[in-house]
Amino acid sequence: MEVKRSFSVGNVLVSRREDSDWRVVKVLAVDSWPDESDTLQCLVFRPISYTPTVESFCSPDDPGYLTRTRGPTLDD
């Protein structure tokens, strides 16, 4: 049985393999083809060792980038 997954622009996919870094991908565009297959255009974030949060999804061009993307510290 074939499983058809549906993706939408703006979807954020988060995964982690056992004992590995977190991987995050954001869907920017979905191109549909005549054969009913899809191609996803995605933004792939760098792997991180801590659990991702909404705040951790920001651009390096954002002035607050360095303070919001740091990992947890003992003060947290």
N, C-alpha and C. Protein backbone atom coordinates (compact mmCIF):
# COMPACT_ATOMS: atom_id res chain seq x y z
N MET A 1 0.84 -1.18 0.00
CA MET A 1 0.00 0.00 0.00
C MET A 1 0.89 1.24 0.00
N GLU A 2 0.63 2.16 -0.90
CA GLU A 2 1.39 3.40 -0.99
C GLU A 2 0.81 4.42 -0.02
N VAL A 3 1.69 5.10 0.68
CA VAL A 3 1.26 6.15 1.62
C VAL A 3 1.60 7.49 1.00
N LYS A 4 0.63 8.35 0.87
CA LYS A 4 0.84 9.70 0.32
C LYS A 4 0.88 10.67 1.49
N ARG A 5 2.01 11.33 1.66
CA ARG A 5 2.14 12.32 2.72
C ARG A 5 1.84 13.68 2.12
N SER A 6 1.21 14.50 2.90
CA SER A 6 0.85 15.84 2.44
C SER A 6 1.67 16.86 3.20
N PHE A 7 2.38 17.71 2.48
CA PHE A 7 3.18 18.76 3.09
C PHE A 7 2.64 20.11 2.65
N SER A 8 2.75 21.09 3.53
CA SER A 8 2.31 22.45 3.23
C SER A 8 3.45 23.42 3.49
N VAL A 9 3.41 24.54 2.78
CA VAL A 9 4.39 25.60 3.02
C VAL A 9 4.29 26.02 4.48
N GLY A 10 5.43 26.13 5.13
CA GLY A 10 5.47 26.52 6.53
C GLY A 10 5.61 25.35 7.49
N ASN A 11 5.37 24.12 7.01
CA ASN A 11 5.57 22.95 7.88
C ASN A 11 7.01 22.93 8.37
N VAL A 12 7.18 22.57 9.64
CA VAL A 12 8.50 22.39 10.22
C VAL A 12 8.63 20.93 10.61
N LEU A 13 9.63 20.27 10.07
CA LEU A 13 9.86 18.86 10.34
C LEU A 13 11.06 18.74 11.27
N VAL A 14 10.89 18.03 12.37
CA VAL A 14 11.94 17.88 13.38
C VAL A 14 12.19 16.39 13.57
N SER A 15 13.45 16.01 13.58
CA SER A 15 13.77 14.60 13.81
C SER A 15 15.07 14.48 14.58
N ARG A 16 15.23 13.32 15.18
CA ARG A 16 16.45 13.04 15.91
C ARG A 16 16.66 11.53 15.92
N ARG A 17 17.81 11.12 15.51
CA ARG A 17 18.17 9.71 15.63
C ARG A 17 18.74 9.50 17.02
N GLU A 18 18.62 8.30 17.50
CA GLU A 18 19.10 7.99 18.85
C GLU A 18 20.56 8.42 19.01
N ASP A 19 20.85 9.11 20.12
CA ASP A 19 22.20 9.59 20.44
C ASP A 19 22.81 10.44 19.33
N SER A 20 22.00 11.32 18.75
CA SER A 20 22.48 12.18 17.67
C SER A 20 21.90 13.59 17.84
N ASP A 21 22.33 14.50 16.99
CA ASP A 21 21.83 15.87 17.03
C ASP A 21 20.41 15.95 16.46
N TRP A 22 19.72 17.01 16.83
CA TRP A 22 18.39 17.30 16.27
C TRP A 22 18.57 17.87 14.87
N ARG A 23 17.66 17.52 13.96
CA ARG A 23 17.65 18.03 12.59
C ARG A 23 16.31 18.71 12.35
N VAL A 24 16.35 19.90 11.77
CA VAL A 24 15.13 20.67 11.54
C VAL A 24 15.10 21.15 10.09
N VAL A 25 13.94 21.00 9.46
CA VAL A 25 13.73 21.41 8.07
C VAL A 25 12.42 22.19 8.01
N LYS A 26 12.41 23.32 7.31
CA LYS A 26 11.18 24.10 7.11
C LYS A 26 10.83 24.08 5.62
N VAL A 27 9.58 23.74 5.32
CA VAL A 27 9.11 23.67 3.93
C VAL A 27 8.83 25.09 3.43
N LEU A 28 9.53 25.49 2.37
CA LEU A 28 9.36 26.83 1.78
C LEU A 28 8.41 26.82 0.59
N ALA A 29 8.39 25.72 -0.15
CA ALA A 29 7.52 25.60 -1.33
C ALA A 29 7.29 24.12 -1.62
N VAL A 30 6.13 23.84 -2.20
CA VAL A 30 5.80 22.48 -2.63
C VAL A 30 5.46 22.54 -4.12
N ASP A 31 6.25 21.84 -4.92
CA ASP A 31 6.01 21.77 -6.36
C ASP A 31 5.33 20.45 -6.67
N SER A 32 4.14 20.51 -7.27
CA SER A 32 3.41 19.30 -7.66
C SER A 32 3.68 18.99 -9.12
N TRP A 33 3.82 17.72 -9.43
CA TRP A 33 4.13 17.26 -10.78
C TRP A 33 2.93 16.52 -11.37
N PRO A 34 2.87 16.43 -12.71
CA PRO A 34 1.74 15.75 -13.37
C PRO A 34 1.53 14.31 -12.91
N ASP A 35 2.61 13.64 -12.48
CA ASP A 35 2.46 12.26 -12.02
C ASP A 35 1.99 12.17 -10.56
N GLU A 36 1.58 13.32 -10.01
CA GLU A 36 1.06 13.45 -8.64
C GLU A 36 2.14 13.31 -7.57
N SER A 37 3.42 13.38 -7.96
CA SER A 37 4.49 13.41 -6.97
C SER A 37 4.76 14.88 -6.60
N ASP A 38 5.42 15.08 -5.49
CA ASP A 38 5.75 16.43 -5.01
C ASP A 38 7.25 16.57 -4.83
N THR A 39 7.73 17.77 -5.04
CA THR A 39 9.10 18.13 -4.71
C THR A 39 9.04 19.25 -3.69
N LEU A 40 9.73 19.08 -2.58
CA LEU A 40 9.74 20.09 -1.52
C LEU A 40 10.98 20.95 -1.65
N GLN A 41 10.79 22.26 -1.56
CA GLN A 41 11.91 23.19 -1.46
C GLN A 41 11.99 23.57 0.01
N CYS A 42 13.14 23.29 0.62
CA CYS A 42 13.24 23.41 2.08
C CYS A 42 14.43 24.23 2.52
N LEU A 43 14.29 24.80 3.70
CA LEU A 43 15.39 25.43 4.41
C LEU A 43 15.85 24.42 5.45
N VAL A 44 17.11 24.04 5.39
CA VAL A 44 17.65 23.05 6.32
C VAL A 44 18.49 23.78 7.35
N PHE A 45 18.10 23.67 8.61
CA PHE A 45 18.84 24.31 9.70
C PHE A 45 20.04 23.47 10.08
N ARG A 46 21.05 24.08 10.64
CA ARG A 46 22.22 23.33 11.08
C ARG A 46 21.80 22.39 12.21
N PRO A 47 22.44 21.22 12.32
CA PRO A 47 22.11 20.30 13.42
C PRO A 47 22.43 20.95 14.76
N ILE A 48 21.59 20.66 15.75
CA ILE A 48 21.81 21.19 17.09
C ILE A 48 21.73 20.06 18.11
N SER A 49 22.42 20.22 19.23
CA SER A 49 22.46 19.17 20.24
C SER A 49 21.33 19.27 21.25
N TYR A 50 20.68 20.43 21.35
CA TYR A 50 19.61 20.62 22.32
C TYR A 50 18.25 20.58 21.62
N THR A 51 17.21 20.30 22.39
CA THR A 51 15.86 20.21 21.83
C THR A 51 15.46 21.55 21.21
N PRO A 52 15.06 21.56 19.94
CA PRO A 52 14.69 22.82 19.29
C PRO A 52 13.40 23.41 19.86
N THR A 53 13.33 24.72 19.84
CA THR A 53 12.13 25.45 20.27
C THR A 53 11.76 26.43 19.17
N VAL A 54 10.60 27.02 19.29
CA VAL A 54 10.17 28.03 18.31
C VAL A 54 11.20 29.16 18.25
N GLU A 55 11.73 29.56 19.40
CA GLU A 55 12.70 30.65 19.44
C GLU A 55 14.00 30.31 18.72
N SER A 56 14.32 29.03 18.61
CA SER A 56 15.58 28.66 17.97
C SER A 56 15.52 28.72 16.44
N PHE A 57 14.32 28.95 15.87
CA PHE A 57 14.18 29.08 14.42
C PHE A 57 14.24 30.55 14.04
N CYS A 58 15.44 31.07 13.85
CA CYS A 58 15.57 32.47 13.44
C CYS A 58 16.74 32.59 12.47
N SER A 59 16.82 33.71 11.85
CA SER A 59 17.84 33.96 10.84
C SER A 59 19.11 34.52 11.47
N PRO A 60 20.28 34.14 10.95
CA PRO A 60 21.52 34.76 11.41
C PRO A 60 21.55 36.27 11.17
N ASP A 61 20.68 36.77 10.27
CA ASP A 61 20.61 38.21 10.01
C ASP A 61 19.82 38.94 11.09
N ASP A 62 19.12 38.21 11.94
CA ASP A 62 18.33 38.79 13.02
C ASP A 62 19.29 39.30 14.10
N PRO A 63 19.16 40.56 14.56
CA PRO A 63 20.08 41.12 15.54
C PRO A 63 20.17 40.31 16.84
N GLY A 64 19.13 39.62 17.24
CA GLY A 64 19.16 38.85 18.48
C GLY A 64 19.55 37.40 18.29
N TYR A 65 20.04 37.05 17.12
CA TYR A 65 20.33 35.66 16.76
C TYR A 65 21.24 34.96 17.77
N LEU A 66 22.36 35.57 18.11
CA LEU A 66 23.32 34.89 18.97
C LEU A 66 22.79 34.62 20.37
N THR A 67 21.98 35.50 20.91
CA THR A 67 21.46 35.28 22.26
C THR A 67 20.34 34.26 22.27
N ARG A 68 19.57 34.16 21.19
CA ARG A 68 18.43 33.23 21.18
C ARG A 68 18.78 31.83 20.72
N THR A 69 19.91 31.65 20.06
CA THR A 69 20.22 30.33 19.51
C THR A 69 21.25 29.57 20.34
N ARG A 70 21.64 30.11 21.43
CA ARG A 70 22.60 29.39 22.27
C ARG A 70 21.91 28.19 22.89
N GLY A 71 22.69 27.23 23.27
CA GLY A 71 22.15 26.06 23.95
C GLY A 71 21.83 26.39 25.40
N PRO A 72 21.14 25.50 26.09
CA PRO A 72 20.82 25.71 27.50
C PRO A 72 22.09 25.81 28.33
N THR A 73 22.03 26.61 29.38
CA THR A 73 23.16 26.74 30.30
C THR A 73 22.71 26.36 31.70
N LEU A 74 23.62 26.37 32.64
CA LEU A 74 23.28 26.04 34.02
C LEU A 74 22.33 27.06 34.63
N ASP A 75 22.29 28.28 34.07
CA ASP A 75 21.39 29.32 34.57
C ASP A 75 19.96 29.14 34.10
N ASP A 76 19.72 28.28 33.12
CA ASP A 76 18.36 28.07 32.59
C ASP A 76 17.53 27.23 33.54
